[in-house]
């Protein structure tokens, strides 16, 4: 029993280390291009559909158990891609917000602070969501709660658009696509 506990703890720690290395290397932002050009828009409607509990319940009712687990694992992989992209966009927006905080315009500085707050909270939620996604891949019947990431991303989108309009109205900042 003790050996099993030690192995489980070691596996969890290894997962945390792998995720940390993945995020630290994958989220580094190069300075060769402008920050806004590095943003990768996300289809929020598709993202929301992937994490919708009603959609999971529908698939569970309609598909045989083995097929549901296979489909759910694929959906979880797609969700992980969306969450990683949202996390990367948040990292870029944090840099943009930090640059804009030095603005002499009070409205721009306030919008930058709002963007920073939303981006930092999104990064925290995304890290937790990634961990939940990988656990859910092991047990696809378990419920996935990545909805806070989608909601926070939509708030971040509004903050990014506001700051973008205040800084340069001619060049829109988009981190979400419209259908």
Protein backbone atom coordinates (compact mmCIF):
# COMPACT_ATOMS: atom_id res chain seq x y z
CA UNK A 1 0.00 0.00 0.00
CA UNK A 2 2.82 2.41 0.86
CA UNK A 3 4.62 1.70 -2.41
CA UNK A 4 1.45 2.47 -4.37
CA UNK A 5 1.03 5.77 -2.53
CA UNK A 6 4.63 6.73 -3.23
CA UNK A 7 4.23 5.87 -6.92
CA UNK A 8 1.06 7.96 -7.21
CA UNK A 9 2.74 10.94 -5.54
CA UNK A 10 5.80 10.55 -7.78
CA UNK A 11 3.58 10.40 -10.87
CA UNK A 12 1.72 13.57 -9.87
CA UNK A 13 4.99 15.40 -9.19
CA UNK A 14 6.37 14.25 -12.55
CA UNK A 15 3.22 15.54 -14.27
CA UNK A 16 3.59 18.91 -12.57
CA UNK A 17 7.24 19.16 -13.66
CA UNK A 18 6.40 18.24 -17.25
CA UNK A 19 3.57 20.78 -17.38
CA UNK A 20 5.79 23.48 -15.89
CA UNK A 21 8.54 22.87 -18.44
CA UNK A 22 6.00 22.77 -21.26
CA UNK A 23 4.44 26.06 -20.25
CA UNK A 24 7.71 27.85 -19.55
CA UNK A 25 9.16 26.91 -22.94
CA UNK A 26 5.94 27.16 -24.92
CA UNK A 27 4.89 30.53 -23.54
CA UNK A 28 8.08 32.46 -24.09
CA UNK A 29 7.30 35.44 -26.25
CA UNK A 30 9.84 36.43 -28.86
CA UNK A 31 10.52 40.11 -29.32
CA UNK A 32 11.19 39.88 -33.07
CA UNK A 33 7.63 40.83 -33.98
CA UNK A 34 5.16 43.21 -32.41
CA UNK A 35 3.29 41.72 -29.50
CA UNK A 36 -0.14 42.18 -31.11
CA UNK A 37 1.00 40.25 -34.19
CA UNK A 38 1.87 37.26 -31.98
CA UNK A 39 -1.68 36.88 -30.66
CA UNK A 40 -3.51 33.82 -31.96
CA UNK A 41 -7.31 34.30 -32.03
CA UNK A 42 -9.48 31.53 -30.57
CA UNK A 43 -12.92 30.45 -31.74
CA UNK A 44 -14.67 31.00 -28.39
CA UNK A 45 -17.92 29.39 -29.54
CA UNK A 46 -16.12 26.14 -30.42
CA UNK A 47 -14.16 26.34 -27.16
CA UNK A 48 -17.37 26.83 -25.18
CA UNK A 49 -18.96 23.86 -26.98
CA UNK A 50 -16.04 21.60 -26.00
CA UNK A 51 -16.43 22.34 -22.30
CA UNK A 52 -20.23 22.42 -22.22
CA UNK A 53 -21.52 19.87 -19.66
CA UNK A 54 -24.78 19.56 -21.63
CA UNK A 55 -22.79 18.47 -24.69
CA UNK A 56 -20.96 15.87 -22.58
CA UNK A 57 -24.27 14.58 -21.23
CA UNK A 58 -25.69 14.39 -24.77
CA UNK A 59 -22.70 12.39 -26.02
CA UNK A 60 -22.85 10.11 -22.99
CA UNK A 61 -26.53 9.34 -23.73
CA UNK A 62 -26.03 8.82 -27.47
CA UNK A 63 -22.74 6.90 -27.68
CA UNK A 64 -21.77 3.47 -26.39
CA UNK A 65 -19.51 3.68 -23.35
CA UNK A 66 -16.25 2.75 -25.13
CA UNK A 67 -16.93 5.13 -28.02
CA UNK A 68 -17.84 7.92 -25.59
CA UNK A 69 -14.49 7.55 -23.81
CA UNK A 70 -12.63 7.71 -27.14
CA UNK A 71 -14.54 10.79 -28.28
CA UNK A 72 -14.17 12.42 -24.87
CA UNK A 73 -10.39 11.93 -24.93
CA UNK A 74 -10.24 13.62 -28.35
CA UNK A 75 -12.39 16.47 -27.07
CA UNK A 76 -10.09 16.82 -24.05
CA UNK A 77 -7.03 17.05 -26.32
CA UNK A 78 -8.76 19.78 -28.35
CA UNK A 79 -9.68 21.57 -25.13
CA UNK A 80 -6.05 21.40 -24.00
CA UNK A 81 -4.98 23.09 -27.25
CA UNK A 82 -7.50 25.89 -26.69
CA UNK A 83 -6.42 26.35 -23.07
CA UNK A 84 -2.72 26.45 -24.02
CA UNK A 85 -3.45 29.02 -26.73
CA UNK A 86 -5.46 31.12 -24.27
CA UNK A 87 -2.60 30.87 -21.79
CA UNK A 88 -0.07 31.98 -24.43
CA UNK A 89 -2.28 34.89 -25.48
CA UNK A 90 -2.60 35.91 -21.82
CA UNK A 91 1.21 35.92 -21.50
CA UNK A 92 1.46 38.23 -24.52
CA UNK A 93 -1.31 40.49 -23.19
CA UNK A 94 0.47 40.74 -19.84
CA UNK A 95 3.51 42.13 -21.66
CA UNK A 96 1.29 44.52 -23.63
CA UNK A 97 -0.46 45.64 -20.43
CA UNK A 98 2.84 46.21 -18.65
CA UNK A 99 4.05 48.36 -21.53
CA UNK A 100 0.80 50.37 -21.51
CA UNK A 101 0.86 50.99 -17.75
CA UNK A 102 3.49 53.67 -18.30
CA UNK A 103 1.05 55.70 -20.42
CA UNK A 104 0.36 59.27 -19.38
CA UNK A 105 -3.29 58.86 -20.37
CA UNK A 106 -5.30 57.81 -17.31
CA UNK A 107 -7.87 55.86 -19.35
CA UNK A 108 -5.13 53.87 -21.08
CA UNK A 109 -3.39 53.12 -17.77
CA UNK A 110 -6.69 52.02 -16.24
CA UNK A 111 -7.46 49.78 -19.24
CA UNK A 112 -3.94 48.34 -19.01
CA UNK A 113 -4.44 47.52 -15.31
CA UNK A 114 -7.76 45.83 -16.08
CA UNK A 115 -6.09 43.84 -18.86
CA UNK A 116 -3.29 42.77 -16.51
CA UNK A 117 -5.72 41.66 -13.82
CA UNK A 118 -7.76 39.59 -16.28
CA UNK A 119 -4.70 38.08 -17.97
CA UNK A 120 -3.07 37.05 -14.69
CA UNK A 121 -6.27 35.42 -13.48
CA UNK A 122 -6.69 33.64 -16.81
CA UNK A 123 -3.15 32.25 -16.61
CA UNK A 124 -3.86 30.91 -13.13
CA UNK A 125 -7.15 29.32 -14.27
CA UNK A 126 -5.52 27.89 -17.41
CA UNK A 127 -2.77 26.18 -15.44
CA UNK A 128 -5.33 24.54 -13.21
CA UNK A 129 -7.50 23.61 -16.19
CA UNK A 130 -4.60 21.88 -17.95
CA UNK A 131 -4.01 19.75 -14.89
CA UNK A 132 -7.74 18.86 -14.76
CA UNK A 133 -7.75 18.04 -18.47
CA UNK A 134 -4.89 15.57 -18.16
CA UNK A 135 -6.52 13.94 -15.15
CA UNK A 136 -9.82 13.77 -17.04
CA UNK A 137 -8.04 12.07 -19.96
CA UNK A 138 -7.26 9.20 -17.60
CA UNK A 139 -10.91 9.09 -16.48
CA UNK A 140 -12.98 10.46 -19.39
CA UNK A 141 -16.25 9.82 -17.55
CA UNK A 142 -15.28 12.50 -15.01
CA UNK A 143 -16.69 15.99 -15.37
CA UNK A 144 -14.40 18.68 -16.79
CA UNK A 145 -14.64 22.18 -15.39
CA UNK A 146 -12.79 24.44 -17.86
CA UNK A 147 -15.72 26.84 -18.11
CA UNK A 148 -13.98 29.49 -15.94
CA UNK A 149 -11.20 29.62 -18.56
CA UNK A 150 -13.71 30.36 -21.33
CA UNK A 151 -15.46 33.05 -19.28
CA UNK A 152 -12.16 34.65 -18.23
CA UNK A 153 -10.97 34.56 -21.85
CA UNK A 154 -14.07 36.41 -23.00
CA UNK A 155 -13.43 39.08 -20.33
CA UNK A 156 -9.79 39.26 -21.41
CA UNK A 157 -10.93 39.74 -25.01
CA UNK A 158 -12.98 42.77 -24.00
CA UNK A 159 -10.09 44.25 -22.01
CA UNK A 160 -7.65 43.69 -24.88
CA UNK A 161 -9.98 45.31 -27.39
CA UNK A 162 -10.48 48.33 -25.12
CA UNK A 163 -6.76 48.85 -24.58
CA UNK A 164 -6.11 48.36 -28.30
CA UNK A 165 -8.72 50.99 -29.23
CA UNK A 166 -7.25 53.46 -26.73
CA UNK A 167 -3.67 52.96 -27.91
CA UNK A 168 -4.21 52.67 -31.65
CA UNK A 169 -7.81 52.83 -32.95
CA UNK A 170 -6.72 51.92 -36.50
CA UNK A 171 -5.28 48.51 -35.53
CA UNK A 172 -7.72 46.20 -33.72
CA UNK A 173 -6.45 43.72 -31.13
CA UNK A 174 -8.30 40.44 -31.56
CA UNK A 175 -7.87 37.34 -29.44
CA UNK A 176 -11.26 35.80 -30.27
CA UNK A 177 -12.90 35.09 -33.60
CA UNK A 178 -16.50 35.92 -34.37
CA UNK A 179 -18.80 33.48 -36.08
